[in-house]
C-alpha cells in the first residue's frame, strides 16, 4: 500500500486531503465530524475581527442549467452562496482544547484560519494566540470573495498582501500559509510577494465573485453578487497551481475545484502538495472525504507509486512551455476504415478542411494539422487516432486512410 503521508511547509500530515475553512469546520459539532472524516488536515473556520451576523447567509446549489439541484448532485454543479458566520477569537478559544484532543486521537492536523480584513495588529495578535493554543500551521484568508467589508481586496494588492503576511510571520514561529484569489491578472506576482513576506506556503485559490440570474423571476439569486465555485473551475485553478509551482517552488495547498479523487490527483500532479475540499463536502457530506482518500490510495497502488509524494508536480514538470511548442512533433489524424461509420461529424467540425467523407468513409486530407478535434468528437472509440508525422516528409505514407 502506498504511503499517503506528506510533508507540507514542515508539518507532517497523514494524507494530503484537507477540509477547507467553511461551515463544515465551524463550531465544535461540525469540526468533530470533519476531524473524523478521514481528512489529513482540517482548516478551522476563520476568526474575524468583529462579530459577523449569520442572517446574511444565502446559499444555492445549482445544476448546469443554474436551476436547483434538487438532490441530484453531479459534477456540473455550482455553489452560489453568500455569508454564513465566521468566529470571533473568544468563541474560537472556548472549544479549541476539545478540538485538539479529537485531532490528536485521529492523527489530524488542525490549521488555524484568520480573516485578514482587520488591522494588522489583529492578525498578529490572533496568530500568536493560535500558536499558544497548539496550532501548528496558520492560513491567512486574504481573499474571501464575499467579504468585501473585511478583506476580499487584500490579495489583489501586492503591497498590502506583503504587509499583512509580514505582520503574521514576524509574530509566530509556526508556518503561515497565504490564501490567494484567482481574481487578479497574475497570481504568481501576488504569490511572490507573500513568499517574500515569509509565507511558508500558499493556498490556490479562493472562489470567484459571481452574479447569477433566476430568469423565471427576473431577479438575481441571493439578491445580488455572491461567491461562486464548483468542479467546473478546476482547469482555471490548476493553471495557477502549475504556474506558481514552476515559477516559485513554494508549497501549494490546492483549493477551488476538487470534487473527487481524480481531481485531487490532478491537483497534486499540477504541483499542489495538499488538496482542500469545501463545496463537495457541503453538497455530499463528510463521507466523501474518506472516498477521496481511498480513491487516491487505490490509484497510487494500481499505478505502482510507492508514495503520494511521487506524483507531486509530475504533470507540471512534463508541460512544454509555449516558446518551445513549435519544436514539438507534428501529428496527423488516422482513420480506421473498419470502424468508421461515415457519420460526417469529423468533416462537419473540421475547420482546417483536414477530413472529407467519401463513400461513407472518412478520408484525411493534406490540410490536416493534427489538432485532434475529430478524435474528441468521433462517436466510435478507436475510429480516429493520431500519429506523429516523420521529420522526413518524404516518408509520410501517401495513403490517407488507415486500414
Protein backbone atom coordinates (compact mmCIF):
# COMPACT_ATOMS: atom_id res chain seq x y z
CA UNK A 1 0.00 0.00 0.00
CA UNK A 2 1.32 3.43 -0.96
CA UNK A 3 2.46 5.85 1.73
CA UNK A 4 -0.10 8.72 1.84
CA UNK A 5 1.75 10.80 4.41
CA UNK A 6 3.11 14.12 3.22
CA UNK A 7 5.21 16.99 4.49
CA UNK A 8 3.68 20.41 3.89
CA UNK A 9 5.56 23.54 4.95
CA UNK A 10 7.42 21.50 7.55
CA UNK A 11 4.29 19.90 9.05
CA UNK A 12 3.57 16.20 8.61
CA UNK A 13 0.07 15.10 7.53
CA UNK A 14 -1.23 11.53 7.43
CA UNK A 15 -2.64 12.20 3.97
CA UNK A 16 -2.86 15.21 1.62
CA UNK A 17 -6.66 15.59 1.71
CA UNK A 18 -7.95 18.56 3.72
CA UNK A 19 -11.31 20.11 4.51
CA UNK A 20 -11.32 23.86 3.88
CA UNK A 21 -12.29 26.60 6.29
CA UNK A 22 -16.08 26.85 5.97
CA UNK A 23 -19.28 25.90 7.75
CA UNK A 24 -18.21 22.20 7.90
CA UNK A 25 -15.37 23.29 10.21
CA UNK A 26 -17.24 25.88 12.30
CA UNK A 27 -18.18 25.09 15.89
CA UNK A 28 -17.41 22.01 17.91
CA UNK A 29 -20.01 19.62 16.47
CA UNK A 30 -19.13 20.24 12.84
CA UNK A 31 -15.39 20.27 13.46
CA UNK A 32 -15.51 16.90 15.21
CA UNK A 33 -17.24 15.44 12.16
CA UNK A 34 -14.55 16.94 9.93
CA UNK A 35 -11.79 15.51 12.15
CA UNK A 36 -13.36 12.03 11.99
CA UNK A 37 -13.94 12.14 8.23
CA UNK A 38 -10.54 10.73 7.32
CA UNK A 39 -9.02 14.05 6.28
CA UNK A 40 -5.34 14.64 6.94
CA UNK A 41 -5.90 18.31 7.72
CA UNK A 42 -8.86 20.41 8.86
CA UNK A 43 -8.78 24.17 8.35
CA UNK A 44 -10.84 25.67 11.15
CA UNK A 45 -13.47 28.30 10.40
CA UNK A 46 -11.84 31.71 10.10
CA UNK A 47 -11.54 34.04 13.06
CA UNK A 48 -12.70 37.54 12.22
CA UNK A 49 -12.10 40.84 13.97
CA UNK A 50 -15.75 41.57 14.68
CA UNK A 51 -18.95 39.56 15.11
CA UNK A 52 -20.49 38.70 11.74
CA UNK A 53 -24.28 38.29 11.78
CA UNK A 54 -25.43 34.93 10.35
CA UNK A 55 -28.64 36.44 8.93
CA UNK A 56 -26.89 37.42 5.71
CA UNK A 57 -26.38 33.77 4.74
CA UNK A 58 -27.97 32.73 1.44
CA UNK A 59 -26.88 29.53 -0.30
CA UNK A 60 -27.86 27.95 -3.62
CA UNK A 61 -26.67 24.65 -5.09
CA UNK A 62 -27.40 24.87 -8.81
CA UNK A 63 -27.07 22.42 -11.70
CA UNK A 64 -25.62 23.03 -15.15
CA UNK A 65 -28.77 24.95 -16.14
CA UNK A 66 -28.37 27.08 -12.99
CA UNK A 67 -31.54 25.63 -11.52
CA UNK A 68 -31.83 23.94 -8.10
CA UNK A 69 -30.08 20.55 -7.98
CA UNK A 70 -32.98 19.06 -6.01
CA UNK A 71 -30.99 16.11 -4.71
CA UNK A 72 -29.24 15.27 -7.98
CA UNK A 73 -25.61 16.14 -7.26
CA UNK A 74 -23.45 15.78 -10.35
CA UNK A 75 -20.06 17.20 -11.22
CA UNK A 76 -21.66 20.10 -13.07
CA UNK A 77 -22.99 21.95 -10.02
CA UNK A 78 -22.26 25.49 -8.88
CA UNK A 79 -22.31 26.56 -5.26
CA UNK A 80 -23.59 30.13 -5.28
CA UNK A 81 -23.51 31.41 -1.74
CA UNK A 82 -23.15 34.45 0.43
CA UNK A 83 -22.32 34.73 4.09
CA UNK A 84 -22.58 32.31 6.91
CA UNK A 85 -20.80 33.29 10.08
CA UNK A 86 -17.14 33.43 10.98
CA UNK A 87 -15.96 33.11 14.58
CA UNK A 88 -14.62 35.73 16.92
CA UNK A 89 -11.50 34.79 18.88
CA UNK A 90 -13.30 34.35 22.21
CA UNK A 91 -15.70 31.90 20.60
CA UNK A 92 -12.80 30.05 18.95
CA UNK A 93 -10.97 29.67 22.26
CA UNK A 94 -13.95 28.08 24.00
CA UNK A 95 -13.67 24.81 22.05
CA UNK A 96 -10.10 24.62 20.81
CA UNK A 97 -8.87 22.24 23.52
CA UNK A 98 -11.58 19.71 22.78
CA UNK A 99 -10.92 20.01 19.05
CA UNK A 100 -7.20 19.50 19.62
CA UNK A 101 -7.84 16.37 21.69
CA UNK A 102 -10.04 14.89 18.95
CA UNK A 103 -7.48 15.83 16.29
CA UNK A 104 -4.70 14.07 18.24
CA UNK A 105 -6.82 10.94 18.63
CA UNK A 106 -7.46 10.83 14.89
CA UNK A 107 -4.00 11.83 13.71
CA UNK A 108 -5.33 15.04 12.15
CA UNK A 109 -3.58 18.40 11.95
CA UNK A 110 -5.74 21.44 12.71
CA UNK A 111 -4.94 24.53 10.66
CA UNK A 112 -5.91 27.89 12.11
CA UNK A 113 -7.53 30.45 9.80
CA UNK A 114 -7.67 34.23 10.12
CA UNK A 115 -9.87 36.52 8.01
CA UNK A 116 -7.43 39.30 7.32
CA UNK A 117 -9.58 42.37 6.83
CA UNK A 118 -8.96 43.94 10.19
CA UNK A 119 -5.94 45.85 11.42
CA UNK A 120 -2.60 44.10 11.01
CA UNK A 121 -2.14 44.04 14.78
CA UNK A 122 -5.34 41.94 14.97
CA UNK A 123 -3.81 39.45 12.53
CA UNK A 124 -0.55 39.31 14.50
CA UNK A 125 -2.30 39.02 17.86
CA UNK A 126 -4.67 36.29 16.67
CA UNK A 127 -1.84 34.33 15.08
CA UNK A 128 0.09 34.41 18.37
CA UNK A 129 -2.97 33.21 20.29
CA UNK A 130 -3.47 30.34 17.87
CA UNK A 131 0.17 29.27 18.21
CA UNK A 132 -0.08 29.45 22.01
CA UNK A 133 -3.08 27.12 21.82
CA UNK A 134 -1.27 24.41 19.91
CA UNK A 135 -1.96 25.33 16.31
CA UNK A 136 0.96 24.09 14.17
CA UNK A 137 0.15 25.97 10.97
CA UNK A 138 -1.94 29.06 10.18
CA UNK A 139 -3.75 30.02 6.98
CA UNK A 140 -4.38 33.73 6.31
CA UNK A 141 -7.51 34.32 4.26
CA UNK A 142 -6.54 37.30 2.13
CA UNK A 143 -9.22 36.73 -0.47
CA UNK A 144 -12.74 35.79 0.65
CA UNK A 145 -14.82 36.89 -2.39
CA UNK A 146 -17.90 37.65 -0.34
CA UNK A 147 -16.17 39.56 2.42
CA UNK A 148 -15.99 42.94 0.72
CA UNK A 149 -16.21 44.73 4.06
CA UNK A 150 -13.40 42.82 5.72
CA UNK A 151 -10.74 41.85 3.30
CA UNK A 152 -11.59 40.49 -0.11
CA UNK A 153 -9.28 43.02 -1.79
CA UNK A 154 -6.10 42.23 0.15
CA UNK A 155 -4.84 39.54 -2.23
CA UNK A 156 -5.47 41.84 -5.18
CA UNK A 157 -2.89 44.26 -3.82
CA UNK A 158 0.74 43.14 -3.83
CA UNK A 159 1.93 45.65 -1.22
CA UNK A 160 -0.99 45.06 1.16
CA UNK A 161 -0.63 41.30 0.86
CA UNK A 162 3.05 41.60 1.76
CA UNK A 163 2.34 43.78 4.80
CA UNK A 164 -0.39 41.55 6.24
CA UNK A 165 1.61 38.35 5.78
CA UNK A 166 4.72 40.02 7.21
CA UNK A 167 2.79 41.01 10.33
CA UNK A 168 1.81 37.40 10.89
CA UNK A 169 5.15 35.76 10.08
CA UNK A 170 7.00 38.12 12.41
CA UNK A 171 4.64 37.24 15.24
CA UNK A 172 4.79 33.44 15.21
CA UNK A 173 7.26 30.64 14.69
CA UNK A 174 4.78 28.26 13.04
CA UNK A 175 4.42 28.24 9.23
CA UNK A 176 2.00 30.75 7.72
CA UNK A 177 0.02 29.98 4.56
CA UNK A 178 -1.47 32.76 2.41
CA UNK A 179 -4.80 32.02 0.72
CA UNK A 180 -4.95 33.92 -2.58
CA UNK A 181 -7.63 34.97 -5.03
CA UNK A 182 -7.87 33.99 -8.71
CA UNK A 183 -9.32 37.43 -9.46
CA UNK A 184 -6.06 39.14 -10.39
CA UNK A 185 -4.09 39.46 -13.60
CA UNK A 186 -1.17 37.43 -12.21
CA UNK A 187 -1.46 35.15 -9.18
CA UNK A 188 2.26 34.39 -9.43
CA UNK A 189 3.07 38.04 -8.71
CA UNK A 190 0.98 38.04 -5.51
CA UNK A 191 2.38 34.65 -4.51
CA UNK A 192 5.89 36.01 -4.90
CA UNK A 193 5.03 38.96 -2.65
CA UNK A 194 3.71 36.77 0.18
CA UNK A 195 6.65 34.40 -0.19
CA UNK A 196 8.99 37.38 0.23
CA UNK A 197 6.99 38.34 3.32
CA UNK A 198 7.79 34.98 4.89
CA UNK A 199 4.82 32.82 3.89
CA UNK A 200 5.82 29.16 4.02
CA UNK A 201 3.13 28.16 1.51
CA UNK A 202 0.13 29.42 -0.44
CA UNK A 203 -3.42 28.18 -0.89
CA UNK A 204 -4.58 28.41 -4.51
CA UNK A 205 -7.24 29.61 -4.77
CA UNK A 206 -10.31 31.09 -3.14
CA UNK A 207 -13.61 31.19 -5.04
CA UNK A 208 -14.76 33.77 -7.54
CA UNK A 209 -17.29 36.51 -7.03
CA UNK A 210 -20.21 35.95 -9.37
CA UNK A 211 -23.68 37.03 -10.45
CA UNK A 212 -26.40 34.52 -11.37
CA UNK A 213 -29.95 35.18 -12.52
CA UNK A 214 -33.25 33.40 -11.94
CA UNK A 215 -34.69 34.09 -15.39
CA UNK A 216 -38.20 32.90 -14.43
CA UNK A 217 -38.45 35.61 -11.79
CA UNK A 218 -36.20 38.13 -13.49
CA UNK A 219 -34.13 38.62 -10.34
CA UNK A 220 -30.59 37.67 -9.24
CA UNK A 221 -30.15 34.68 -7.00
CA UNK A 222 -29.26 35.70 -3.43
CA UNK A 223 -30.40 39.25 -4.21
CA UNK A 224 -27.12 40.02 -5.97
CA UNK A 225 -23.41 39.19 -6.11
CA UNK A 226 -22.29 36.05 -4.29
CA UNK A 227 -19.39 33.64 -4.03
CA UNK A 228 -19.17 31.22 -6.94
CA UNK A 229 -17.42 27.87 -7.20
CA UNK A 230 -17.69 24.21 -8.07
CA UNK A 231 -15.90 21.45 -10.01
CA UNK A 232 -16.19 23.43 -13.26
CA UNK A 233 -13.50 25.85 -12.05
CA UNK A 234 -10.77 23.18 -11.75
CA UNK A 235 -8.93 23.99 -15.02
CA UNK A 236 -8.69 27.66 -14.02
CA UNK A 237 -7.28 26.80 -10.61
CA UNK A 238 -4.84 24.23 -11.96
CA UNK A 239 -3.41 26.84 -14.31
CA UNK A 240 -2.28 28.90 -11.30
CA UNK A 241 -1.16 25.85 -9.33
CA UNK A 242 1.05 24.90 -12.27
CA UNK A 243 2.44 28.41 -12.77
CA UNK A 244 3.20 29.07 -9.10
CA UNK A 245 4.76 25.61 -8.74
CA UNK A 246 7.06 26.08 -11.72
CA UNK A 247 7.88 29.75 -11.12
CA UNK A 248 8.31 29.87 -7.34
CA UNK A 249 8.62 26.35 -5.97
CA UNK A 250 6.67 27.35 -2.84
CA UNK A 251 4.48 24.60 -1.31
CA UNK A 252 0.87 24.81 -2.51
CA UNK A 253 -2.41 23.73 -0.97
CA UNK A 254 -4.84 23.33 -3.85
CA UNK A 255 -8.39 24.60 -3.41
CA UNK A 256 -11.37 25.52 -5.59
CA UNK A 257 -12.45 22.75 -7.94
CA UNK A 258 -11.71 19.31 -6.46
CA UNK A 259 -14.77 17.04 -6.46
CA UNK A 260 -13.37 13.50 -6.31
CA UNK A 261 -10.14 11.52 -6.08
CA UNK A 262 -9.35 12.07 -9.75
CA UNK A 263 -9.47 15.82 -9.20
CA UNK A 264 -7.28 15.51 -6.12
CA UNK A 265 -4.70 13.59 -8.17
CA UNK A 266 -4.89 16.27 -10.89
CA UNK A 267 -4.18 18.98 -8.32
CA UNK A 268 -1.17 17.11 -6.95
CA UNK A 269 0.23 16.30 -10.39
CA UNK A 270 -0.09 20.01 -11.23
CA UNK A 271 2.03 20.94 -8.21
CA UNK A 272 -0.19 21.00 -5.11
CA UNK A 273 1.12 19.15 -2.06
CA UNK A 274 -2.27 19.05 -0.32
CA UNK A 275 -5.80 19.44 -1.70
CA UNK A 276 -8.62 21.21 0.13
CA UNK A 277 -12.32 20.42 -0.20
CA UNK A 278 -15.33 22.55 0.66
CA UNK A 279 -18.20 22.61 -1.84
CA UNK A 280 -18.22 18.83 -2.29
CA UNK A 281 -18.47 18.37 1.50
CA UNK A 282 -21.36 20.83 1.59
CA UNK A 283 -23.05 19.03 -1.30
CA UNK A 284 -22.36 15.39 -0.42
CA UNK A 285 -21.46 15.29 3.27
CA UNK A 286 -18.37 14.42 5.28
CA UNK A 287 -18.30 10.83 3.99
CA UNK A 288 -16.99 11.99 0.64
CA UNK A 289 -13.59 12.72 2.23
CA UNK A 290 -12.97 9.07 3.05
CA UNK A 291 -13.93 8.15 -0.51
CA UNK A 292 -11.42 10.63 -1.91
CA UNK A 293 -8.64 9.38 0.36
CA UNK A 294 -9.36 5.76 -0.59
CA UNK A 295 -9.56 6.64 -4.28
CA UNK A 296 -6.15 8.33 -4.19
CA UNK A 297 -4.69 5.35 -2.35
CA UNK A 298 -6.11 2.86 -4.86
CA UNK A 299 -4.81 4.92 -7.77
CA UNK A 300 -1.30 5.02 -6.36
CA UNK A 301 -1.31 1.27 -5.82
CA UNK A 302 -2.63 0.48 -9.30
CA UNK A 303 -0.09 2.77 -10.94
CA UNK A 304 2.78 1.47 -8.83
CA UNK A 305 3.60 4.67 -6.96
CA UNK A 306 5.15 3.92 -3.59
CA UNK A 307 4.38 7.34 -2.08
CA UNK A 308 1.91 10.09 -2.74
CA UNK A 309 4.93 12.39 -2.79
CA UNK A 310 5.97 10.75 -6.06
CA UNK A 311 3.14 12.36 -8.04
CA UNK A 312 3.55 15.93 -6.79
CA UNK A 313 4.20 18.18 -9.79
CA UNK A 314 4.86 15.44 -12.36
CA UNK A 315 2.39 16.92 -14.88
CA UNK A 316 3.71 20.43 -14.29
CA UNK A 317 7.24 19.23 -14.96
CA UNK A 318 6.10 17.45 -18.14
CA UNK A 319 4.40 20.58 -19.52
CA UNK A 320 6.07 22.18 -22.55
CA UNK A 321 6.48 25.98 -22.33
CA UNK A 322 4.71 27.93 -25.07
CA UNK A 323 8.02 29.13 -26.52
CA UNK A 324 9.09 25.54 -27.16
CA UNK A 325 5.89 24.18 -28.67
CA UNK A 326 6.89 24.85 -32.27
CA UNK A 327 9.56 22.21 -31.76
CA UNK A 328 7.04 19.51 -30.86
CA UNK A 329 6.43 16.67 -33.34
CA UNK A 330 3.71 17.29 -35.91
CA UNK A 331 0.73 14.93 -35.76
CA UNK A 332 -1.81 13.76 -38.28
CA UNK A 333 -5.20 12.09 -37.93
CA UNK A 334 -5.56 8.46 -38.98
CA UNK A 335 -8.92 6.85 -39.75
CA UNK A 336 -9.62 3.17 -39.07
CA UNK A 337 -11.55 2.03 -42.16
CA UNK A 338 -13.19 -0.87 -40.33
CA UNK A 339 -14.60 1.28 -37.53
CA UNK A 340 -15.53 4.47 -39.40
CA UNK A 341 -19.31 4.75 -39.93
CA UNK A 342 -19.18 7.74 -42.28
CA UNK A 343 -21.31 9.84 -39.94
CA UNK A 344 -19.59 13.07 -41.16
CA UNK A 345 -19.23 14.55 -37.68
CA UNK A 346 -15.49 14.93 -38.24
CA UNK A 347 -15.99 16.60 -41.60
CA UNK A 348 -18.64 18.99 -40.28
CA UNK A 349 -16.48 20.17 -37.41
CA UNK A 350 -13.03 20.30 -39.02
CA UNK A 351 -12.23 23.96 -39.65
CA UNK A 352 -8.94 23.10 -41.35
CA UNK A 353 -10.62 21.07 -44.14
CA UNK A 354 -8.49 18.19 -42.89
CA UNK A 355 -11.06 15.44 -43.37
CA UNK A 356 -13.61 14.50 -46.02
CA UNK A 357 -16.15 11.69 -46.10
CA UNK A 358 -16.33 9.81 -49.38
CA UNK A 359 -18.24 6.59 -49.97
CA UNK A 360 -19.27 6.56 -46.28
CA UNK A 361 -15.66 6.51 -45.04
CA UNK A 362 -13.65 9.49 -43.74
CA UNK A 363 -10.51 10.49 -45.62
CA UNK A 364 -7.74 12.61 -44.10
CA UNK A 365 -6.50 15.34 -46.44
CA UNK A 366 -3.17 17.11 -46.72
CA UNK A 367 -4.72 20.04 -44.81
CA UNK A 368 -4.86 18.06 -41.54
CA UNK A 369 -2.87 19.83 -38.82
CA UNK A 370 -3.21 17.05 -36.23
CA UNK A 371 -5.23 19.13 -33.75
CA UNK A 372 -7.18 16.08 -32.54
CA UNK A 373 -10.62 17.73 -32.53
CA UNK A 374 -12.00 14.89 -34.66
CA UNK A 375 -10.71 12.43 -32.06
CA UNK A 376 -12.70 14.28 -29.39
CA UNK A 377 -15.93 14.34 -31.40
CA UNK A 378 -15.92 10.92 -33.08
CA UNK A 379 -18.69 8.77 -31.52
CA UNK A 380 -16.85 5.50 -32.24
CA UNK A 381 -13.91 4.77 -29.98
CA UNK A 382 -10.85 3.80 -31.99
CA UNK A 383 -12.15 5.06 -35.33
CA UNK A 384 -9.79 8.05 -35.17
CA UNK A 385 -6.26 8.18 -33.79
CA UNK A 386 -3.25 10.45 -34.11
CA UNK A 387 0.20 9.52 -35.34
CA UNK A 388 3.40 11.52 -35.46
CA UNK A 389 4.50 12.74 -38.87
CA UNK A 390 8.13 11.76 -39.63
CA UNK A 391 10.53 14.69 -39.79
CA UNK A 392 11.48 13.49 -43.27
CA UNK A 393 8.26 14.37 -45.09
CA UNK A 394 9.19 12.02 -47.94
CA UNK A 395 8.45 9.16 -45.56
CA UNK A 396 4.83 10.23 -44.97
CA UNK A 397 2.57 7.47 -46.38
CA UNK A 398 0.67 8.56 -49.49
CA UNK A 399 -2.43 6.67 -48.35
CA UNK A 400 -4.69 8.75 -46.15
CA UNK A 401 -6.90 6.02 -44.69
CA UNK A 402 -5.50 3.54 -42.18
CA UNK A 403 -6.77 0.02 -42.52
